[in-house]
Amino acid sequence: MSITAKLTGMVKATRNAAAEVTNGLESVRVQIIALKDKRSHLEVAPVPKAEALQRLDAFAAFVNGRASRMISPRDFTTREGYRMPALSVHSLSSGDLALGFVAALLREQLAAAIDREYAAGDGPTADAHRQMLAKLDVEILDLEMVEESLVRAAEAAGIEILRRGDADPRAVMAPDNSLPS
């Protein structure tokens, strides 16, 4: 076998190895992006429906309570010295009063809108949400460590690969012995 044939074979093997490394690295990066996207969606997942309805009930009670403090039945049942309740002497606005009167209707409409928001399913509890985020964080870091291991292996073989701009510093700065081999 001639030296040219040997060198051609070596170049071909080097190109194949480089292609294999970049393909493997791209596969890991696609998985990282997918997990980060999943995490982003989970971060904004709604609270459980029951909790949302409790919040709505607390809001409706608050609004109704503000209006109730502004005008009470006694304002209309006193015998002597009746005066129409004056909005100007109260710290609440007429808007607060109106909102108090429609609080039940508002609650009903918002409850129906909340039902529609949860048509696809309920949101996770606070504990489940934290656990799901933590699990994704571990999976993402594991993949980032694999990615960094591949980048370093490629560099050691003379293949220059750029790191992602958003690569986790814990992976980039990790000692070699803590990376998967």
Protein backbone atom coordinates (compact mmCIF):
# COMPACT_ATOMS: atom_id res chain seq x y z
CA MET A 1 0.00 0.00 0.00
CA SER A 2 1.36 3.38 -0.98
CA ILE A 3 1.86 6.27 1.41
CA THR A 4 -0.80 8.25 -0.50
CA ALA A 5 -3.34 5.49 0.02
CA LYS A 6 -2.46 5.29 3.73
CA LEU A 7 -2.78 9.07 4.14
CA THR A 8 -6.07 9.08 2.22
CA GLY A 9 -7.37 6.35 4.53
CA MET A 10 -6.26 8.32 7.60
CA VAL A 11 -7.92 11.51 6.33
CA LYS A 12 -11.12 9.59 5.62
CA ALA A 13 -11.03 8.00 9.10
CA THR A 14 -10.43 11.42 10.68
CA ARG A 15 -13.33 12.93 8.77
CA ASN A 16 -15.58 10.04 9.78
CA ALA A 17 -14.55 10.42 13.42
CA ALA A 18 -15.16 14.18 13.29
CA ALA A 19 -18.57 13.62 11.71
CA GLU A 20 -19.43 11.03 14.36
CA VAL A 21 -18.42 13.39 17.17
CA THR A 22 -20.35 16.34 15.72
CA ASN A 23 -23.42 14.16 15.07
CA GLY A 24 -23.30 12.81 18.61
CA LEU A 25 -22.80 16.28 20.00
CA GLU A 26 -25.70 17.62 17.94
CA SER A 27 -27.92 14.83 19.26
CA VAL A 28 -27.06 15.74 22.85
CA ARG A 29 -27.65 19.43 22.15
CA VAL A 30 -31.07 18.71 20.63
CA GLN A 31 -32.00 16.81 23.80
CA ILE A 32 -30.78 19.70 25.98
CA ILE A 33 -32.88 22.18 23.99
CA ALA A 34 -35.93 19.91 24.25
CA LEU A 35 -35.54 19.57 28.03
CA LYS A 36 -35.01 23.31 28.48
CA ASP A 37 -38.13 23.96 26.42
CA LYS A 38 -40.06 21.47 28.55
CA ARG A 39 -38.77 23.21 31.68
CA SER A 40 -39.81 26.63 30.35
CA HIS A 41 -43.34 25.35 29.79
CA LEU A 42 -43.41 23.74 33.23
CA GLU A 43 -42.24 26.95 34.92
CA VAL A 44 -45.43 28.70 33.84
CA ALA A 45 -47.76 25.75 34.44
CA PRO A 46 -50.88 26.85 36.28
CA VAL A 47 -51.60 26.00 39.87
CA PRO A 48 -54.16 23.24 40.51
CA LYS A 49 -57.69 24.25 39.54
CA ALA A 50 -58.92 23.97 43.13
CA GLU A 51 -56.28 26.48 44.21
CA ALA A 52 -57.21 28.88 41.41
CA LEU A 53 -60.87 28.68 42.48
CA GLN A 54 -59.89 29.30 46.11
CA ARG A 55 -58.00 32.41 45.00
CA LEU A 56 -61.05 33.53 43.03
CA ASP A 57 -63.32 33.00 46.04
CA ALA A 58 -60.96 35.00 48.25
CA PHE A 59 -60.95 37.82 45.71
CA ALA A 60 -64.75 37.82 45.42
CA ALA A 61 -65.06 37.89 49.22
CA PHE A 62 -62.59 40.77 49.40
CA VAL A 63 -64.47 42.79 46.78
CA ASN A 64 -67.80 42.06 48.40
CA GLY A 65 -66.38 42.92 51.82
CA ARG A 66 -65.14 46.31 50.61
CA ALA A 67 -68.58 47.15 49.27
CA SER A 68 -70.25 45.82 52.45
CA ARG A 69 -68.15 48.11 54.61
CA MET A 70 -69.11 51.03 52.44
CA ILE A 71 -72.84 50.54 52.65
CA SER A 72 -74.60 48.35 55.14
CA PRO A 73 -78.26 47.40 55.66
CA ARG A 74 -78.36 49.83 58.60
CA ASP A 75 -77.90 52.67 56.13
CA PHE A 76 -81.44 51.89 54.96
CA THR A 77 -83.19 50.59 58.09
CA THR A 78 -82.75 53.46 60.54
CA ARG A 79 -86.01 55.16 61.52
CA GLU A 80 -84.89 58.59 62.50
CA GLY A 81 -82.59 60.88 60.60
CA TYR A 82 -82.32 58.78 57.47
CA ARG A 83 -79.86 60.09 54.95
CA MET A 84 -78.94 58.52 51.68
CA PRO A 85 -75.45 57.01 51.96
CA ALA A 86 -72.94 59.46 50.54
CA LEU A 87 -70.15 57.96 48.53
CA SER A 88 -67.94 60.99 49.00
CA VAL A 89 -67.57 60.48 52.74
CA HIS A 90 -66.28 56.96 52.34
CA SER A 91 -62.78 56.07 51.34
CA LEU A 92 -64.11 53.74 48.66
CA SER A 93 -65.08 54.79 45.19
CA SER A 94 -68.36 54.22 43.43
CA GLY A 95 -66.44 51.71 41.31
CA ASP A 96 -65.73 49.66 44.43
CA LEU A 97 -69.40 49.78 45.27
CA ALA A 98 -70.44 48.68 41.79
CA LEU A 99 -67.87 45.90 41.83
CA GLY A 100 -69.31 44.72 45.15
CA PHE A 101 -72.76 44.43 43.62
CA VAL A 102 -71.48 42.41 40.66
CA ALA A 103 -69.01 40.33 42.65
CA ALA A 104 -71.16 37.20 42.49
CA LEU A 105 -71.67 37.54 38.75
CA LEU A 106 -67.98 38.29 38.24
CA ARG A 107 -67.05 35.25 40.30
CA GLU A 108 -69.36 33.07 38.20
CA GLN A 109 -67.92 34.33 34.91
CA LEU A 110 -64.33 33.99 36.09
CA ALA A 111 -65.01 30.47 37.41
CA ALA A 112 -66.30 29.49 33.95
CA ALA A 113 -63.18 31.01 32.35
CA ILE A 114 -61.01 29.09 34.82
CA ASP A 115 -62.86 25.89 33.89
CA ARG A 116 -61.97 26.53 30.24
CA GLU A 117 -58.32 27.18 31.16
CA TYR A 118 -58.15 23.75 32.77
CA ALA A 119 -59.92 21.87 29.96
CA ALA A 120 -56.62 20.23 29.00
CA GLY A 121 -55.89 19.10 32.56
CA ASP A 122 -55.08 20.22 36.05
CA GLY A 123 -51.91 21.98 37.12
CA PRO A 124 -49.40 20.32 39.46
CA THR A 125 -49.36 21.02 43.18
CA ALA A 126 -46.59 23.26 44.50
CA ASP A 127 -44.60 20.24 45.75
CA ALA A 128 -45.06 18.29 42.52
CA HIS A 129 -44.11 21.39 40.53
CA ARG A 130 -40.88 21.82 42.51
CA GLN A 131 -40.05 18.12 42.14
CA MET A 132 -40.69 18.14 38.40
CA LEU A 133 -38.49 21.22 37.93
CA ALA A 134 -35.72 19.70 40.06
CA LYS A 135 -35.86 16.45 38.06
CA LEU A 136 -35.58 18.36 34.79
CA ASP A 137 -32.69 20.40 36.19
CA VAL A 138 -30.82 17.18 37.01
CA GLU A 139 -31.51 15.73 33.55
CA ILE A 140 -30.37 18.93 31.85
CA LEU A 141 -27.17 19.10 33.90
CA ASP A 142 -26.43 15.43 33.17
CA LEU A 143 -26.75 16.09 29.44
CA GLU A 144 -24.64 19.24 29.72
CA MET A 145 -21.92 17.17 31.40
CA VAL A 146 -22.09 14.63 28.54
CA GLU A 147 -21.89 17.48 26.05
CA GLU A 148 -18.83 18.95 27.77
CA SER A 149 -17.19 15.53 27.84
CA LEU A 150 -17.72 15.22 24.07
CA VAL A 151 -16.37 18.72 23.46
CA ARG A 152 -13.22 17.97 25.48
CA ALA A 153 -12.73 14.61 23.77
CA ALA A 154 -13.02 16.31 20.39
CA GLU A 155 -10.55 19.00 21.45
CA ALA A 156 -8.11 16.33 22.63
CA ALA A 157 -8.38 14.73 19.19
CA GLY A 158 -7.67 18.06 17.51
CA ILE A 159 -11.27 18.75 16.47
CA GLU A 160 -12.30 22.28 17.33
CA ILE A 161 -15.91 22.57 18.52
CA LEU A 162 -17.50 25.70 19.89
CA ARG A 163 -19.37 25.51 23.13
CA ARG A 164 -22.93 26.79 23.29
CA GLY A 165 -23.20 30.33 24.58
CA ASP A 166 -25.70 29.18 27.19
CA ALA A 167 -23.73 26.13 28.31
CA ASP A 168 -24.02 25.53 32.02
CA PRO A 169 -20.88 26.88 33.74
CA ARG A 170 -20.98 23.95 36.17
CA ALA A 171 -20.34 21.63 33.21
CA VAL A 172 -17.85 23.86 31.42
CA MET A 173 -15.80 24.38 34.58
CA ALA A 174 -16.14 20.82 35.86
CA PRO A 175 -12.93 18.89 36.40
CA ASP A 176 -12.27 16.15 33.85
CA ASN A 177 -12.71 13.38 36.41
CA SER A 178 -16.29 14.51 37.15
CA LEU A 179 -17.40 14.25 33.51
CA PRO A 180 -18.86 11.05 32.06
CA SER A 181 -16.32 9.09 30.09
